[in-house]
């Protein structure tokens, strides 16, 4: 997953499957296929006021955590390998909705810039992935409002070697050992872990570059940032120099409840887009339910996109399968404390605001004055009847 604060591809010689079934996809220019008319009795996003081309900006290369988006594509999507995007008529439950969708990759495809900066640089982008702490950080200058959270908990974690630290079960336990913990410098979550007393500042190392080299070289003596839906599988099965299990705790379970990759709009556009969002957000919810019910076809597309985009990101069938299972098993994706997928808890959002506001201020970045949870998220477009079963 990840911009500078996310994963860098492992050069571990993975073989990615050839996707003959997707031969109808093109690696040429942008999609020129007109949007299919909305199916009778189905969702009509055109009539709801949605743009003819719904553009969605992600925060990383294609991966299973983004499967709910690729579920929106109908048959024969058009792949633009140069622009690192895929597009075609937007479908819901197997029926056309009257508009197109274009899904753009982030990370290396946008020079590792924030999705928020892309939203403000390109007004044609309809929705973008914005994690809660990014929304807080940029709330004064580039405000965004989250309307759908595909992940109920962030997969961000701290991992360690269970053989080196057999008694460590949590990040707080790891902190008590005095072990160094590597992370991407500048991450707000680390300041939270320090201020909460889970780690001490002198045991943190902001030089992590996303590769397994340091973890392998010191034989697991240090802890390290990672993603619960990825690195545990990668390190055990795809990093031969390590080749064994790691232990970890997610940041959500350690008390930092950000919503990762929440689908967000420019706050100033919220009112004018309300008609579209009222129809579109339930489509996004249903797409996530449908993906987790039957992920195989979408994962095949994701693997093909990774191959064609050729950014250096390495992704395997095993990784995709592990990610889907782990997202469900750990509750990274789920209905939370109700029966609805995609809604956000106001208390969680407010906690991130309360934690991060002084952190950003100390770093010279003031957030919006008087910022409250309702400024950066809304559940008003969520259909409470849609959830994972």
Protein backbone atom coordinates (compact mmCIF):
# COMPACT_ATOMS: atom_id res chain seq x y z
CA UNK A 1 0.00 0.00 0.00
CA UNK A 2 2.03 2.85 -0.11
CA UNK A 3 3.09 6.38 -0.88
CA UNK A 4 6.22 7.42 1.04
CA UNK A 5 4.37 6.36 4.16
CA UNK A 6 3.38 3.10 2.59
CA UNK A 7 5.13 0.04 1.25
CA UNK A 8 7.89 0.07 -1.34
CA UNK A 9 7.91 -2.93 -3.67
CA UNK A 10 9.93 -5.96 -2.64
CA UNK A 11 12.38 -7.06 -5.31
CA UNK A 12 11.98 -10.68 -4.41
CA UNK A 13 11.60 -12.13 -7.86
CA UNK A 14 7.89 -12.89 -7.71
CA UNK A 15 6.23 -14.35 -10.77
CA UNK A 16 2.92 -12.69 -11.61
CA UNK A 17 0.31 -14.64 -13.51
CA UNK A 18 -0.46 -13.87 -17.13
CA UNK A 19 -4.08 -12.85 -17.52
CA UNK A 20 -5.23 -14.25 -20.82
CA UNK A 21 -8.84 -13.90 -19.75
CA UNK A 22 -8.38 -10.13 -19.84
CA UNK A 23 -6.96 -9.99 -23.35
CA UNK A 24 -9.79 -7.72 -24.38
CA UNK A 25 -8.29 -4.99 -22.19
CA UNK A 26 -6.13 -2.42 -23.91
CA UNK A 27 -2.88 -0.83 -22.77
CA UNK A 28 -3.40 2.16 -25.03
CA UNK A 29 -5.04 5.52 -24.39
CA UNK A 30 -7.90 6.56 -22.17
CA UNK A 31 -11.30 4.94 -22.40
CA UNK A 32 -13.46 6.09 -25.28
CA UNK A 33 -16.33 3.69 -24.64
CA UNK A 34 -19.52 5.66 -23.97
CA UNK A 35 -21.26 4.91 -20.71
CA UNK A 36 -23.87 2.20 -21.02
CA UNK A 37 -27.41 3.31 -20.34
CA UNK A 38 -28.62 2.58 -16.85
CA UNK A 39 -30.39 -0.75 -16.65
CA UNK A 40 -34.15 -0.63 -16.21
CA UNK A 41 -34.95 -0.85 -12.53
CA UNK A 42 -31.30 -0.41 -11.56
CA UNK A 43 -29.34 2.52 -10.17
CA UNK A 44 -29.26 5.52 -12.54
CA UNK A 45 -26.25 7.59 -11.49
CA UNK A 46 -26.61 9.89 -14.49
CA UNK A 47 -30.12 10.86 -13.42
CA UNK A 48 -28.81 11.40 -9.88
CA UNK A 49 -26.48 14.10 -11.16
CA UNK A 50 -23.22 12.19 -11.13
CA UNK A 51 -20.58 13.22 -13.68
CA UNK A 52 -20.45 11.23 -16.90
CA UNK A 53 -17.01 10.04 -15.81
CA UNK A 54 -16.68 9.30 -12.09
CA UNK A 55 -12.95 9.61 -11.41
CA UNK A 56 -11.53 7.93 -8.30
CA UNK A 57 -7.95 8.57 -7.15
CA UNK A 58 -6.38 5.85 -5.01
CA UNK A 59 -3.33 6.15 -2.78
CA UNK A 60 -1.28 3.25 -4.13
CA UNK A 61 -0.84 0.62 -6.81
CA UNK A 62 -3.70 -1.85 -7.41
CA UNK A 63 -4.12 -4.29 -4.53
CA UNK A 64 -6.83 -6.29 -2.78
CA UNK A 65 -7.54 -3.48 -0.32
CA UNK A 66 -8.84 -1.59 -3.38
CA UNK A 67 -10.92 -4.51 -4.63
CA UNK A 68 -14.20 -2.75 -3.90
CA UNK A 69 -13.32 -0.13 -6.53
CA UNK A 70 -12.39 -2.58 -9.27
CA UNK A 71 -15.67 -4.38 -8.54
CA UNK A 72 -17.35 -1.32 -10.09
CA UNK A 73 -15.97 -2.15 -13.53
CA UNK A 74 -18.03 -4.09 -15.99
CA UNK A 75 -16.75 -6.42 -18.73
CA UNK A 76 -13.76 -5.42 -20.89
CA UNK A 77 -12.41 -2.43 -18.94
CA UNK A 78 -9.88 -0.25 -20.74
CA UNK A 79 -6.40 -0.23 -19.21
CA UNK A 80 -4.17 2.79 -19.75
CA UNK A 81 -0.71 1.57 -18.79
CA UNK A 82 0.83 5.01 -19.34
CA UNK A 83 -1.56 6.81 -17.02
CA UNK A 84 -1.77 3.85 -14.59
CA UNK A 85 -5.56 3.87 -14.76
CA UNK A 86 -8.43 1.61 -15.74
CA UNK A 87 -11.87 2.70 -16.88
CA UNK A 88 -15.18 1.63 -18.30
CA UNK A 89 -18.92 1.76 -17.64
CA UNK A 90 -19.70 1.78 -13.93
CA UNK A 91 -21.73 -1.26 -12.88
CA UNK A 92 -23.67 -2.10 -9.74
CA UNK A 93 -24.82 -5.65 -9.03
CA UNK A 94 -24.12 -6.58 -12.63
CA UNK A 95 -26.07 -3.71 -14.19
CA UNK A 96 -24.91 -0.49 -15.85
CA UNK A 97 -25.57 2.75 -13.99
CA UNK A 98 -25.42 5.21 -16.91
CA UNK A 99 -21.95 6.65 -16.17
CA UNK A 100 -18.33 5.62 -16.55
CA UNK A 101 -15.78 5.11 -13.81
CA UNK A 102 -12.03 5.77 -14.02
CA UNK A 103 -9.80 4.38 -11.26
CA UNK A 104 -6.38 6.00 -11.03
CA UNK A 105 -3.40 4.56 -9.17
CA UNK A 106 -1.53 6.55 -6.55
CA UNK A 107 1.91 6.22 -5.02
CA UNK A 108 4.52 6.16 -7.79
CA UNK A 109 1.88 7.05 -10.39
CA UNK A 110 1.42 10.49 -8.78
CA UNK A 111 4.98 11.02 -7.61
CA UNK A 112 4.11 9.90 -4.07
CA UNK A 113 2.06 13.05 -3.53
CA UNK A 114 -0.95 13.06 -1.24
CA UNK A 115 -4.32 12.20 -2.70
CA UNK A 116 -5.61 15.45 -1.22
CA UNK A 117 -3.17 17.43 -3.33
CA UNK A 118 -4.42 15.59 -6.41
CA UNK A 119 -8.04 16.38 -5.54
CA UNK A 120 -7.20 20.06 -5.41
CA UNK A 121 -4.93 20.03 -8.46
CA UNK A 122 -7.44 18.24 -10.71
CA UNK A 123 -11.11 19.21 -10.40
CA UNK A 124 -12.14 16.28 -12.61
CA UNK A 125 -11.38 13.87 -9.73
CA UNK A 126 -14.67 12.98 -8.06
CA UNK A 127 -13.46 11.02 -5.03
CA UNK A 128 -10.10 10.20 -3.52
CA UNK A 129 -8.65 8.02 -0.79
CA UNK A 130 -7.87 10.24 2.22
CA UNK A 131 -6.84 8.74 5.58
CA UNK A 132 -8.21 10.53 8.65
CA UNK A 133 -4.91 11.99 9.84
CA UNK A 134 -4.24 13.41 6.37
CA UNK A 135 -7.69 15.04 6.45
CA UNK A 136 -6.83 16.56 9.83
CA UNK A 137 -3.41 17.76 8.72
CA UNK A 138 -4.70 19.50 5.58
CA UNK A 139 -8.04 20.67 6.97
CA UNK A 140 -7.16 24.37 6.92
CA UNK A 141 -5.86 24.66 3.36
CA UNK A 142 -7.27 21.67 1.45
CA UNK A 143 -10.34 20.44 3.35
CA UNK A 144 -11.87 17.08 2.48
CA UNK A 145 -14.93 15.23 3.72
CA UNK A 146 -15.01 11.43 3.89
CA UNK A 147 -18.29 9.85 2.71
CA UNK A 148 -17.43 6.14 2.75
CA UNK A 149 -14.82 4.14 4.70
CA UNK A 150 -13.90 0.88 2.93
CA UNK A 151 -11.69 -0.11 5.87
CA UNK A 152 -13.19 -0.20 9.34
CA UNK A 153 -9.72 -0.40 10.91
CA UNK A 154 -6.35 0.67 9.58
CA UNK A 155 -4.06 -2.22 8.58
CA UNK A 156 -1.04 -0.18 9.70
CA UNK A 157 0.92 -2.13 12.31
CA UNK A 158 4.18 -2.53 14.17
CA UNK A 159 5.71 -5.99 13.76
CA UNK A 160 8.48 -7.88 15.51
CA UNK A 161 10.19 -11.27 15.55
CA UNK A 162 8.34 -13.59 17.94
CA UNK A 163 11.44 -15.74 18.41
CA UNK A 164 13.47 -12.75 19.58
CA UNK A 165 10.63 -11.39 21.72
CA UNK A 166 8.54 -14.40 22.79
CA UNK A 167 6.79 -12.51 25.60
CA UNK A 168 5.84 -9.48 23.50
CA UNK A 169 2.15 -9.37 22.57
CA UNK A 170 1.58 -5.64 22.03
CA UNK A 171 3.40 -2.51 20.92
CA UNK A 172 3.51 -1.46 24.58
CA UNK A 173 5.25 -4.74 25.44
CA UNK A 174 7.77 -4.13 22.67
CA UNK A 175 8.39 -0.65 24.05
CA UNK A 176 9.31 -2.10 27.42
CA UNK A 177 12.08 -4.18 25.84
CA UNK A 178 13.86 -1.07 24.59
CA UNK A 179 13.91 -2.45 21.04
CA UNK A 180 14.43 0.04 18.21
CA UNK A 181 11.30 0.49 16.06
CA UNK A 182 11.77 1.56 12.44
CA UNK A 183 9.13 3.65 10.66
CA UNK A 184 8.70 6.20 7.90
CA UNK A 185 9.84 9.50 9.39
CA UNK A 186 7.16 12.16 9.83
CA UNK A 187 4.29 9.73 10.46
CA UNK A 188 1.83 11.19 12.96
CA UNK A 189 1.00 7.79 14.39
CA UNK A 190 4.51 7.45 15.83
CA UNK A 191 4.10 10.69 17.75
CA UNK A 192 0.88 9.20 19.13
CA UNK A 193 2.68 6.02 20.25
CA UNK A 194 5.32 8.15 21.98
CA UNK A 195 2.87 10.56 23.62
CA UNK A 196 0.73 7.63 24.81
CA UNK A 197 3.78 6.08 26.46
CA UNK A 198 3.74 2.93 24.31
CA UNK A 199 7.20 3.68 22.92
CA UNK A 200 9.93 6.07 24.01
CA UNK A 201 11.26 8.61 21.53
CA UNK A 202 14.83 7.36 21.86
CA UNK A 203 13.88 3.90 20.62
CA UNK A 204 12.25 5.10 17.38
CA UNK A 205 14.10 5.23 14.06
CA UNK A 206 12.50 7.17 11.20
CA UNK A 207 14.82 5.80 8.51
CA UNK A 208 12.63 2.92 7.32
CA UNK A 209 12.67 2.73 3.51
CA UNK A 210 9.99 0.10 2.97
CA UNK A 211 12.33 -2.77 2.14
CA UNK A 212 13.02 -5.87 4.28
CA UNK A 213 16.79 -5.39 4.22
CA UNK A 214 17.25 -3.91 7.71
CA UNK A 215 14.82 -6.27 9.41
CA UNK A 216 16.61 -9.24 7.87
CA UNK A 217 20.09 -7.86 8.52
CA UNK A 218 19.58 -7.38 12.26
CA UNK A 219 17.75 -10.72 12.50
CA UNK A 220 14.57 -9.21 13.89
CA UNK A 221 16.14 -7.34 16.80
CA UNK A 222 14.20 -4.19 15.82
CA UNK A 223 10.47 -3.71 15.37
CA UNK A 224 9.21 -2.28 12.12
CA UNK A 225 6.23 -0.57 10.51
CA UNK A 226 4.12 -2.62 8.14
CA UNK A 227 0.59 -3.54 7.07
CA UNK A 228 -1.23 -6.45 8.64
CA UNK A 229 -2.82 -7.33 5.31
CA UNK A 230 0.55 -7.68 3.58
CA UNK A 231 3.91 -7.96 5.34
CA UNK A 232 3.16 -11.01 7.51
CA UNK A 233 2.56 -13.01 4.31
CA UNK A 234 5.39 -11.38 2.37
CA UNK A 235 8.02 -11.91 5.04
CA UNK A 236 7.06 -15.53 5.62
CA UNK A 237 6.58 -16.63 2.02
CA UNK A 238 8.11 -14.07 -0.35
CA UNK A 239 11.27 -12.87 1.43
CA UNK A 240 13.51 -15.95 1.32
CA UNK A 241 16.14 -14.35 3.54
CA UNK A 242 13.55 -14.23 6.35
CA UNK A 243 11.06 -17.00 5.57
CA UNK A 244 9.22 -17.21 8.89
CA UNK A 245 6.32 -15.68 10.74
CA UNK A 246 6.31 -12.23 12.32
CA UNK A 247 4.13 -11.03 15.19
CA UNK A 248 2.39 -7.65 15.22
CA UNK A 249 -0.23 -5.33 16.63
CA UNK A 250 -2.27 -2.93 14.50
CA UNK A 251 -2.35 0.77 15.27
CA UNK A 252 -6.13 0.55 15.61
CA UNK A 253 -5.77 -1.99 18.40
CA UNK A 254 -3.14 0.25 20.01
CA UNK A 255 -5.59 3.15 20.21
CA UNK A 256 -5.03 5.09 16.96
CA UNK A 257 -8.36 4.65 15.10
CA UNK A 258 -7.73 6.34 11.76
CA UNK A 259 -9.87 5.35 8.81
CA UNK A 260 -7.37 4.39 6.11
CA UNK A 261 -8.18 5.33 2.50
CA UNK A 262 -11.58 6.80 3.29
CA UNK A 263 -13.33 7.86 0.08
CA UNK A 264 -13.53 11.63 0.26
CA UNK A 265 -14.59 14.69 -1.70
CA UNK A 266 -13.45 18.29 -1.62
CA UNK A 267 -15.46 19.79 1.23
CA UNK A 268 -16.55 22.72 -0.91
CA UNK A 269 -18.17 20.31 -3.38
CA UNK A 270 -20.16 18.36 -0.80
CA UNK A 271 -23.38 20.30 -1.23
CA UNK A 272 -23.37 20.35 -5.02
CA UNK A 273 -22.54 16.64 -5.14
CA UNK A 274 -25.15 15.55 -2.59
CA UNK A 275 -27.61 14.21 -5.16
CA UNK A 276 -24.91 12.11 -6.78
CA UNK A 277 -23.49 10.92 -3.48
CA UNK A 278 -26.90 9.83 -2.21
CA UNK A 279 -27.05 7.38 -5.14
CA UNK A 280 -23.34 6.62 -5.51
CA UNK A 281 -22.31 5.83 -1.93
CA UNK A 282 -24.71 2.87 -1.62
CA UNK A 283 -23.26 1.60 -4.91
CA UNK A 284 -19.80 1.78 -3.33
CA UNK A 285 -21.07 -0.08 -0.27
CA UNK A 286 -22.64 -2.81 -2.38
CA UNK A 287 -19.49 -3.15 -4.49
CA UNK A 288 -17.48 -3.90 -1.36
CA UNK A 289 -20.00 -6.51 -0.21
CA UNK A 290 -19.95 -8.11 -3.66
CA UNK A 291 -16.15 -8.11 -3.81
CA UNK A 292 -15.73 -9.91 -0.51
CA UNK A 293 -18.47 -12.36 -1.45
CA UNK A 294 -16.56 -13.34 -4.61
CA UNK A 295 -13.13 -11.69 -5.02
CA UNK A 296 -11.47 -13.98 -7.59
CA UNK A 297 -12.37 -12.19 -10.84
CA UNK A 298 -11.43 -8.77 -9.45
CA UNK A 299 -8.15 -10.11 -8.07
CA UNK A 300 -7.34 -11.46 -11.51
CA UNK A 301 -7.84 -7.95 -12.87
CA UNK A 302 -5.71 -6.45 -10.08
CA UNK A 303 -2.82 -8.77 -10.93
CA UNK A 304 -3.11 -7.87 -14.59
CA UNK A 305 -3.10 -4.15 -13.78
CA UNK A 306 0.03 -4.55 -11.66
CA UNK A 307 1.74 -6.31 -14.56
CA UNK A 308 0.72 -3.74 -17.16
CA UNK A 309 1.39 -0.68 -15.01
CA UNK A 310 4.91 -1.99 -14.29
CA UNK A 311 5.78 0.53 -11.56
CA UNK A 312 8.10 -1.83 -9.67
CA UNK A 313 5.27 -2.86 -7.36
CA UNK A 314 5.26 -6.63 -6.92
CA UNK A 315 1.99 -8.41 -6.16
CA UNK A 316 1.18 -12.11 -6.24
CA UNK A 317 -1.89 -14.32 -6.21
CA UNK A 318 -0.89 -15.56 -2.76
CA UNK A 319 -0.67 -12.00 -1.48
CA UNK A 320 -4.11 -11.11 -2.86
CA UNK A 321 -5.68 -14.21 -1.31
CA UNK A 322 -4.00 -13.54 2.04
CA UNK A 323 -5.11 -9.91 2.01
CA UNK A 324 -8.77 -10.76 1.42
CA UNK A 325 -8.78 -13.36 4.21
CA UNK A 326 -6.85 -11.19 6.66
CA UNK A 327 -8.97 -8.11 6.06
CA UNK A 328 -12.02 -10.13 7.12
CA UNK A 329 -10.36 -12.13 9.89
CA UNK A 330 -8.93 -9.06 11.64
CA UNK A 331 -11.97 -6.89 11.11
CA UNK A 332 -10.01 -4.47 8.94
CA UNK A 333 -13.06 -4.60 6.71
CA UNK A 334 -16.40 -5.13 8.37
CA UNK A 335 -19.58 -3.66 9.77
CA UNK A 336 -18.05 -2.45 13.01
CA UNK A 337 -20.51 -2.37 15.90
CA UNK A 338 -23.61 -2.38 13.70
CA UNK A 339 -24.79 -4.11 10.51
CA UNK A 340 -23.61 -1.43 8.08
CA UNK A 341 -20.46 -1.28 5.97
CA UNK A 342 -18.67 1.96 5.25
CA UNK A 343 -19.98 4.22 8.01
CA UNK A 344 -17.59 5.97 10.36
CA UNK A 345 -17.64 6.38 14.13
CA UNK A 346 -17.65 10.04 15.22
CA UNK A 347 -15.75 9.25 18.42
CA UNK A 348 -12.94 7.61 16.46
CA UNK A 349 -12.63 10.59 14.12
CA UNK A 350 -12.67 13.03 17.02
CA UNK A 351 -9.98 11.05 18.83
CA UNK A 352 -7.68 11.35 15.82
CA UNK A 353 -8.36 15.09 15.70
CA UNK A 354 -7.61 15.44 19.42
CA UNK A 355 -4.42 13.38 19.15
CA UNK A 356 -3.05 14.85 15.94
CA UNK A 357 -3.89 18.54 16.30
CA UNK A 358 -1.09 19.23 18.84
CA UNK A 359 1.27 16.93 16.92
CA UNK A 360 0.83 18.91 13.71
CA UNK A 361 0.97 22.22 15.57
CA UNK A 362 4.31 21.22 17.09
CA UNK A 363 5.55 20.53 13.58
CA UNK A 364 4.44 23.96 12.38
CA UNK A 365 1.26 22.84 10.59
CA UNK A 366 -1.87 24.35 12.09
CA UNK A 367 -5.14 22.53 11.39
CA UNK A 368 -8.47 24.26 10.84
CA UNK A 369 -9.39 26.31 13.91
CA UNK A 370 -12.03 24.56 15.99
CA UNK A 371 -11.89 21.42 13.86
CA UNK A 372 -14.45 18.78 14.86
CA UNK A 373 -15.26 15.35 13.46
CA UNK A 374 -18.24 16.60 11.46
CA UNK A 375 -15.92 18.84 9.46
CA UNK A 376 -14.07 15.90 7.89
CA UNK A 377 -16.63 13.09 7.60
CA UNK A 378 -20.32 12.42 7.13
CA UNK A 379 -22.48 9.29 7.22
CA UNK A 380 -25.45 11.05 5.59
CA UNK A 381 -25.13 9.15 2.30
CA UNK A 382 -24.64 5.70 3.83
CA UNK A 383 -27.39 3.11 3.28
CA UNK A 384 -27.63 1.44 6.69
CA UNK A 385 -29.18 -1.68 5.17
CA UNK A 386 -26.02 -2.62 3.27
CA UNK A 387 -23.39 -4.64 5.14
CA UNK A 388 -21.29 -7.78 5.09
CA UNK A 389 -23.21 -10.88 6.06
